[in-house]
Amino acid sequence: MTELVIRALTESDAALFHTLDCPDLVGRAIAGVEYATFAEGGDYRPEWTYVALREGRVVARAAWWGSQDESSPRLLNWFDFADGEQDAGIELLRQAPFDVEYELMLPADWRERPETLAAGLARIAAAEAVGKKMLVERYQYRWTPECGLPPRPTRLTFREERDDAVLLDLLRRINSVTLDAHALHAIAEHDLETAAQEDLEYIHWCPEAWPMLAYDAEGELVGWHLPARIPSGHTAGYIGVVPEQRGHGYAFDLLAECTHFLVDKGVEAIIAATDEGNFPMAAHFAKVGYPVIQKRISLV
């Protein structure tokens, strides 16, 4: 085979990204997103976008994502290669100067269709070939008014909290007994404080966020929910119950209230996610009326 040329794109040749001959079976394209740079009104920087060329033809591509004010990418969330060019994709990942999480977007039924199963597994294998490991598979939800609103919960009261010290203490308590794979990974790689700090940084990263603490009838702290606006829309960004208050179904109340909070602000679409292994939270999403629209796999 002829030699590969692997390089970043520039603003003037960003259109090369679109020339790869590859069906849109998995990845960000299945959400109806088109690759475009910030200058074009899109989500990507050309210097964070790499292509592998063979005889001038694009045979693999990868785009790393981060918000406009970030100095380095947050995620790799677009990665494709032409049929028979998996090795080119692997070499692209190996040479690109970014080592962040790879988030692979998949149809909800991706394992049930041979073509999406093959496409998904090929990308996972390529990421694993450069040292990434499967962290978690997550359900991705999208609530719209057609899903219906649950009754607004009445057994809790809610108060917005902006004090970072209070929020950090809450996050430490929640993450001390958690099913969330990203929090568990942060704890295993670093410590509980790091996991709490990462969650706090997420709050500050959101363009708009309203951390809402919940209290029971006796005034005891139950947990919190985080309605927020992120670059892709509005989200029920976090639902958490402190360990001593678990077992009472409070996560349902928190998610229901979070949904009502955003609807009261005029929001008509709410995205959310939870790990497949977090069976209690997945059950609450189903009960509140959030349908699964996609799956996402994280490799770190």
Protein backbone atom coordinates (compact mmCIF):
# COMPACT_ATOMS: atom_id res chain seq x y z
CA MET A 1 0.00 0.00 0.00
CA THR A 2 1.10 3.54 -0.65
CA GLU A 3 2.36 5.63 2.24
CA LEU A 4 -0.10 7.38 4.54
CA VAL A 5 0.01 11.10 5.13
CA ILE A 6 -1.55 12.07 8.46
CA ARG A 7 -2.11 15.70 9.26
CA ALA A 8 -4.44 18.23 10.81
CA LEU A 9 -6.85 20.14 8.64
CA THR A 10 -6.78 23.88 8.14
CA GLU A 11 -9.66 26.29 7.76
CA SER A 12 -9.03 26.43 4.01
CA ASP A 13 -9.23 22.67 3.43
CA ALA A 14 -11.72 21.63 6.15
CA ALA A 15 -14.04 20.37 3.40
CA LEU A 16 -11.69 17.39 3.00
CA PHE A 17 -13.44 15.92 6.04
CA HIS A 18 -16.55 15.31 3.93
CA THR A 19 -14.74 13.38 1.19
CA LEU A 20 -14.31 10.11 3.09
CA ASP A 21 -16.26 7.28 1.49
CA CYS A 22 -17.91 5.84 4.60
CA PRO A 23 -21.58 5.23 5.44
CA ASP A 24 -23.01 7.13 8.43
CA LEU A 25 -23.93 4.08 10.51
CA VAL A 26 -22.44 5.10 13.85
CA GLY A 27 -20.84 8.17 15.33
CA ARG A 28 -22.02 11.74 15.62
CA ALA A 29 -23.44 11.83 12.11
CA ILE A 30 -26.35 9.59 13.20
CA ALA A 31 -27.62 12.52 15.27
CA GLY A 32 -27.95 14.59 12.12
CA VAL A 33 -24.83 16.63 12.90
CA GLU A 34 -22.64 17.76 10.02
CA TYR A 35 -18.97 18.43 10.50
CA ALA A 36 -18.25 22.15 10.42
CA THR A 37 -15.62 24.37 12.03
CA PHE A 38 -16.40 27.11 14.53
CA ALA A 39 -15.78 29.65 11.76
CA GLU A 40 -18.47 27.89 9.69
CA GLY A 41 -20.92 27.88 12.61
CA GLY A 42 -20.14 24.30 13.67
CA ASP A 43 -18.60 22.56 16.68
CA TYR A 44 -15.02 21.79 15.61
CA ARG A 45 -11.59 23.33 15.14
CA PRO A 46 -9.59 22.32 12.06
CA GLU A 47 -6.41 22.05 14.15
CA TRP A 48 -8.19 19.45 16.32
CA THR A 49 -9.30 17.52 13.22
CA TYR A 50 -6.99 14.98 11.60
CA VAL A 51 -7.18 13.03 8.36
CA ALA A 52 -5.19 10.13 6.94
CA LEU A 53 -4.62 10.45 3.21
CA ARG A 54 -3.46 7.82 0.75
CA GLU A 55 -2.55 9.18 -2.68
CA GLY A 56 -4.37 12.36 -1.76
CA ARG A 57 -7.60 10.55 -0.85
CA VAL A 58 -9.00 10.66 2.70
CA VAL A 59 -9.16 7.11 4.09
CA ALA A 60 -9.63 7.94 7.79
CA ARG A 61 -10.72 10.97 9.80
CA ALA A 62 -11.04 12.00 13.44
CA ALA A 63 -12.40 15.13 15.07
CA TRP A 64 -11.78 16.07 18.68
CA TRP A 65 -14.37 18.26 20.38
CA GLY A 66 -14.22 21.03 22.95
CA SER A 67 -16.01 24.31 23.54
CA GLN A 68 -14.70 27.50 21.97
CA ASP A 69 -13.05 28.77 25.15
CA GLU A 70 -11.16 25.54 25.93
CA SER A 71 -7.45 25.29 25.18
CA SER A 72 -7.49 21.54 24.55
CA PRO A 73 -10.16 19.10 23.39
CA ARG A 74 -12.49 17.42 25.83
CA LEU A 75 -13.48 14.38 23.74
CA LEU A 76 -12.84 12.48 20.56
CA ASN A 77 -16.37 12.06 19.25
CA TRP A 78 -15.97 11.62 15.49
CA PHE A 79 -13.84 8.80 14.11
CA ASP A 80 -14.29 6.95 10.81
CA PHE A 81 -12.29 5.01 8.26
CA ALA A 82 -12.96 3.61 4.80
CA ASP A 83 -13.63 -0.06 4.19
CA GLY A 84 -10.37 -1.97 4.57
CA GLU A 85 -8.60 1.01 6.15
CA GLN A 86 -8.89 0.20 9.84
CA ASP A 87 -5.09 0.22 10.15
CA ALA A 88 -5.06 3.75 8.75
CA GLY A 89 -7.54 4.76 11.42
CA ILE A 90 -5.36 3.20 14.10
CA GLU A 91 -2.28 5.02 12.81
CA LEU A 92 -4.18 8.31 12.76
CA LEU A 93 -5.14 7.88 16.43
CA ARG A 94 -1.58 6.91 17.27
CA GLN A 95 -0.06 10.00 15.64
CA ALA A 96 -2.61 12.63 16.71
CA PRO A 97 -1.39 14.61 19.73
CA PHE A 98 -4.51 14.18 21.90
CA ASP A 99 -5.15 11.60 24.60
CA VAL A 100 -8.72 12.09 25.81
CA GLU A 101 -11.84 10.00 26.13
CA TYR A 102 -13.37 8.54 22.95
CA GLU A 103 -17.15 8.76 22.97
CA LEU A 104 -18.77 6.58 20.32
CA MET A 105 -22.40 7.37 19.51
CA LEU A 106 -24.49 4.38 18.42
CA PRO A 107 -28.10 3.63 17.50
CA ALA A 108 -30.11 2.28 20.43
CA ASP A 109 -30.38 -1.09 18.66
CA TRP A 110 -26.82 -1.15 17.32
CA ARG A 111 -26.14 -4.73 18.40
CA GLU A 112 -29.25 -6.02 16.63
CA ARG A 113 -28.20 -4.96 13.10
CA PRO A 114 -25.16 -6.60 11.48
CA GLU A 115 -24.00 -3.44 9.73
CA THR A 116 -24.07 -1.20 12.84
CA LEU A 117 -22.61 -3.97 15.00
CA ALA A 118 -19.67 -4.35 12.61
CA ALA A 119 -19.13 -0.58 12.35
CA GLY A 120 -19.26 -0.11 16.12
CA LEU A 121 -16.97 -3.02 16.94
CA ALA A 122 -14.44 -1.93 14.31
CA ARG A 123 -14.11 1.52 15.89
CA ILE A 124 -13.88 0.06 19.38
CA ALA A 125 -11.14 -2.31 18.21
CA ALA A 126 -9.21 0.58 16.63
CA ALA A 127 -9.37 2.60 19.85
CA GLU A 128 -8.29 -0.44 21.87
CA ALA A 129 -5.34 -0.92 19.51
CA VAL A 130 -3.92 2.43 20.66
CA GLY A 131 -4.38 1.62 24.34
CA LYS A 132 -7.89 2.77 25.15
CA LYS A 133 -10.14 0.59 27.28
CA MET A 134 -13.89 0.27 27.48
CA LEU A 135 -15.22 2.25 30.43
CA VAL A 136 -18.99 2.16 30.07
CA GLU A 137 -21.95 1.95 27.73
CA ARG A 138 -24.60 4.56 28.43
CA TYR A 139 -28.24 5.15 27.57
CA GLN A 140 -28.87 8.49 25.89
CA TYR A 141 -32.34 9.98 26.43
CA ARG A 142 -34.32 12.82 24.90
CA TRP A 143 -37.51 14.10 26.51
CA THR A 144 -39.99 16.20 24.50
CA PRO A 145 -43.52 17.37 25.42
CA GLU A 146 -44.96 14.40 23.51
CA CYS A 147 -43.48 12.17 26.22
CA GLY A 148 -45.76 13.74 28.83
CA LEU A 149 -44.93 15.32 32.18
CA PRO A 150 -45.06 13.28 35.40
CA PRO A 151 -46.84 14.80 38.40
CA ARG A 152 -44.66 17.37 40.11
CA PRO A 153 -43.23 15.88 43.34
CA THR A 154 -44.43 17.39 46.60
CA ARG A 155 -42.49 15.59 49.35
CA LEU A 156 -39.27 17.55 48.78
CA THR A 157 -38.38 21.23 48.78
CA PHE A 158 -35.70 22.65 46.49
CA ARG A 159 -33.21 25.47 46.85
CA GLU A 160 -30.62 26.72 44.37
CA GLU A 161 -27.08 26.50 45.75
CA ARG A 162 -24.08 28.46 44.40
CA ASP A 163 -21.53 27.89 47.16
CA ASP A 164 -18.76 25.68 45.75
CA ALA A 165 -17.82 24.41 49.21
CA VAL A 166 -21.38 23.20 49.83
CA LEU A 167 -21.56 21.60 46.39
CA LEU A 168 -18.19 19.88 46.80
CA ASP A 169 -19.25 18.39 50.14
CA LEU A 170 -22.44 17.10 48.53
CA LEU A 171 -20.55 15.61 45.58
CA ARG A 172 -18.08 13.86 47.90
CA ARG A 173 -20.97 12.27 49.79
CA ILE A 174 -22.76 11.11 46.63
CA ASN A 175 -19.60 9.79 44.97
CA SER A 176 -18.55 7.90 48.10
CA VAL A 177 -21.20 5.31 47.14
CA THR A 178 -21.84 5.60 43.42
CA LEU A 179 -22.68 3.44 40.40
CA ASP A 180 -21.42 6.05 37.92
CA ALA A 181 -18.53 4.62 35.90
CA HIS A 182 -16.84 7.97 35.25
CA ALA A 183 -16.84 8.83 38.95
CA LEU A 184 -15.57 5.37 39.84
CA HIS A 185 -12.80 5.73 37.23
CA ALA A 186 -11.74 9.10 38.68
CA ILE A 187 -11.68 7.60 42.18
CA ALA A 188 -9.67 4.57 41.04
CA GLU A 189 -7.18 6.65 39.04
CA HIS A 190 -6.93 9.47 41.60
CA ASP A 191 -9.23 9.81 44.61
CA LEU A 192 -12.69 10.82 45.80
CA GLU A 193 -11.72 14.49 45.84
CA THR A 194 -10.84 14.36 42.14
CA ALA A 195 -14.21 12.82 41.28
CA ALA A 196 -16.00 15.58 43.20
CA GLN A 197 -13.85 18.29 41.60
CA GLU A 198 -14.59 16.95 38.11
CA ASP A 199 -18.32 17.13 38.80
CA LEU A 200 -17.97 20.68 40.12
CA GLU A 201 -15.98 21.66 37.02
CA TYR A 202 -18.84 20.34 34.89
CA ILE A 203 -21.24 22.74 36.61
CA HIS A 204 -18.95 25.68 35.84
CA TRP A 205 -18.37 24.44 32.28
CA CYS A 206 -22.09 24.62 31.43
CA PRO A 207 -23.06 27.95 29.82
CA GLU A 208 -26.02 27.98 32.22
CA ALA A 209 -26.67 25.74 35.21
CA TRP A 210 -28.96 25.82 38.22
CA PRO A 211 -27.70 23.47 41.00
CA MET A 212 -30.83 22.63 42.99
CA LEU A 213 -30.49 20.99 46.41
CA ALA A 214 -33.40 18.93 47.72
CA TYR A 215 -34.57 18.64 51.35
CA ASP A 216 -37.10 16.37 53.03
CA ALA A 217 -39.94 17.43 55.35
CA GLU A 218 -37.53 17.49 58.33
CA GLY A 219 -35.14 19.77 56.49
CA GLU A 220 -32.53 17.06 55.94
CA LEU A 221 -30.53 17.13 52.71
CA VAL A 222 -31.67 14.45 50.25
CA GLY A 223 -29.57 15.21 47.17
CA TRP A 224 -29.65 17.45 44.15
CA HIS A 225 -30.52 17.82 40.50
CA LEU A 226 -28.79 19.91 37.85
CA PRO A 227 -30.91 21.44 35.12
CA ALA A 228 -28.48 23.05 32.70
CA ARG A 229 -27.82 24.36 29.23
CA ILE A 230 -24.89 22.78 27.40
CA PRO A 231 -23.62 23.43 23.85
CA SER A 232 -25.98 20.83 22.36
CA GLY A 233 -29.13 21.94 24.21
CA HIS A 234 -30.68 21.60 27.65
CA THR A 235 -30.03 18.67 29.94
CA ALA A 236 -30.97 16.98 33.16
CA GLY A 237 -27.27 17.00 33.85
CA TYR A 238 -27.04 15.29 37.22
CA ILE A 239 -29.34 13.44 39.59
CA GLY A 240 -27.82 12.42 42.91
CA VAL A 241 -29.03 11.20 46.30
CA VAL A 242 -26.83 11.16 49.41
CA PRO A 243 -26.14 7.62 50.72
CA GLU A 244 -28.22 7.84 53.89
CA GLN A 245 -31.33 8.91 51.94
CA ARG A 246 -31.30 6.12 49.35
CA GLY A 247 -33.97 3.50 49.10
CA HIS A 248 -36.92 5.91 49.14
CA GLY A 249 -37.25 6.55 45.40
CA TYR A 250 -36.03 10.12 45.71
CA ALA A 251 -34.17 9.96 42.39
CA PHE A 252 -37.56 9.85 40.68
CA ASP A 253 -38.60 13.05 42.49
CA LEU A 254 -35.35 14.75 41.54
CA LEU A 255 -35.62 13.83 37.86
CA ALA A 256 -39.30 14.79 37.71
CA GLU A 257 -38.59 18.16 39.34
CA CYS A 258 -35.60 18.74 37.03
CA THR A 259 -37.87 18.15 34.04
CA HIS A 260 -40.54 20.52 35.36
CA PHE A 261 -37.87 23.15 36.13
CA LEU A 262 -36.66 23.20 32.53
CA VAL A 263 -40.16 23.07 31.08
CA ASP A 264 -41.05 26.11 33.20
CA LYS A 265 -38.20 27.91 31.42
CA GLY A 266 -39.76 27.10 28.05
CA VAL A 267 -37.46 24.20 27.17
CA GLU A 268 -39.03 21.73 24.72
CA ALA A 269 -36.27 19.12 24.49
CA ILE A 270 -34.19 17.73 27.37
CA ILE A 271 -31.30 15.34 26.91
CA ALA A 272 -29.90 13.09 29.62
CA ALA A 273 -27.86 9.94 30.08
CA THR A 274 -27.11 7.18 32.54
CA ASP A 275 -24.90 4.10 32.60
CA GLU A 276 -26.43 0.83 31.44
CA GLY A 277 -25.33 -0.72 34.71
CA ASN A 278 -27.12 1.90 36.79
CA PHE A 279 -30.36 -0.08 36.84
CA PRO A 280 -32.15 2.06 39.46
CA MET A 281 -31.55 5.31 37.56
CA ALA A 282 -32.46 3.74 34.22
CA ALA A 283 -35.76 2.62 35.77
CA HIS A 284 -36.44 6.18 36.98
CA PHE A 285 -35.80 7.59 33.50
CA ALA A 286 -38.30 5.11 32.08
CA LYS A 287 -40.87 5.94 34.77
CA VAL A 288 -40.56 9.70 34.24
CA GLY A 289 -41.02 9.16 30.51
CA TYR A 290 -37.57 9.61 28.97
CA PRO A 291 -37.16 7.36 25.89
CA VAL A 292 -33.77 5.89 24.95
CA ILE A 293 -32.76 7.38 21.62
CA GLN A 294 -29.12 6.26 21.39
CA LYS A 295 -26.32 4.45 23.15
CA ARG A 296 -22.89 5.89 23.82
CA ILE A 297 -19.73 3.98 24.60
CA SER A 298 -16.84 5.65 26.42
CA LEU A 299 -13.27 4.42 26.01
CA VAL A 300 -10.52 5.96 28.12
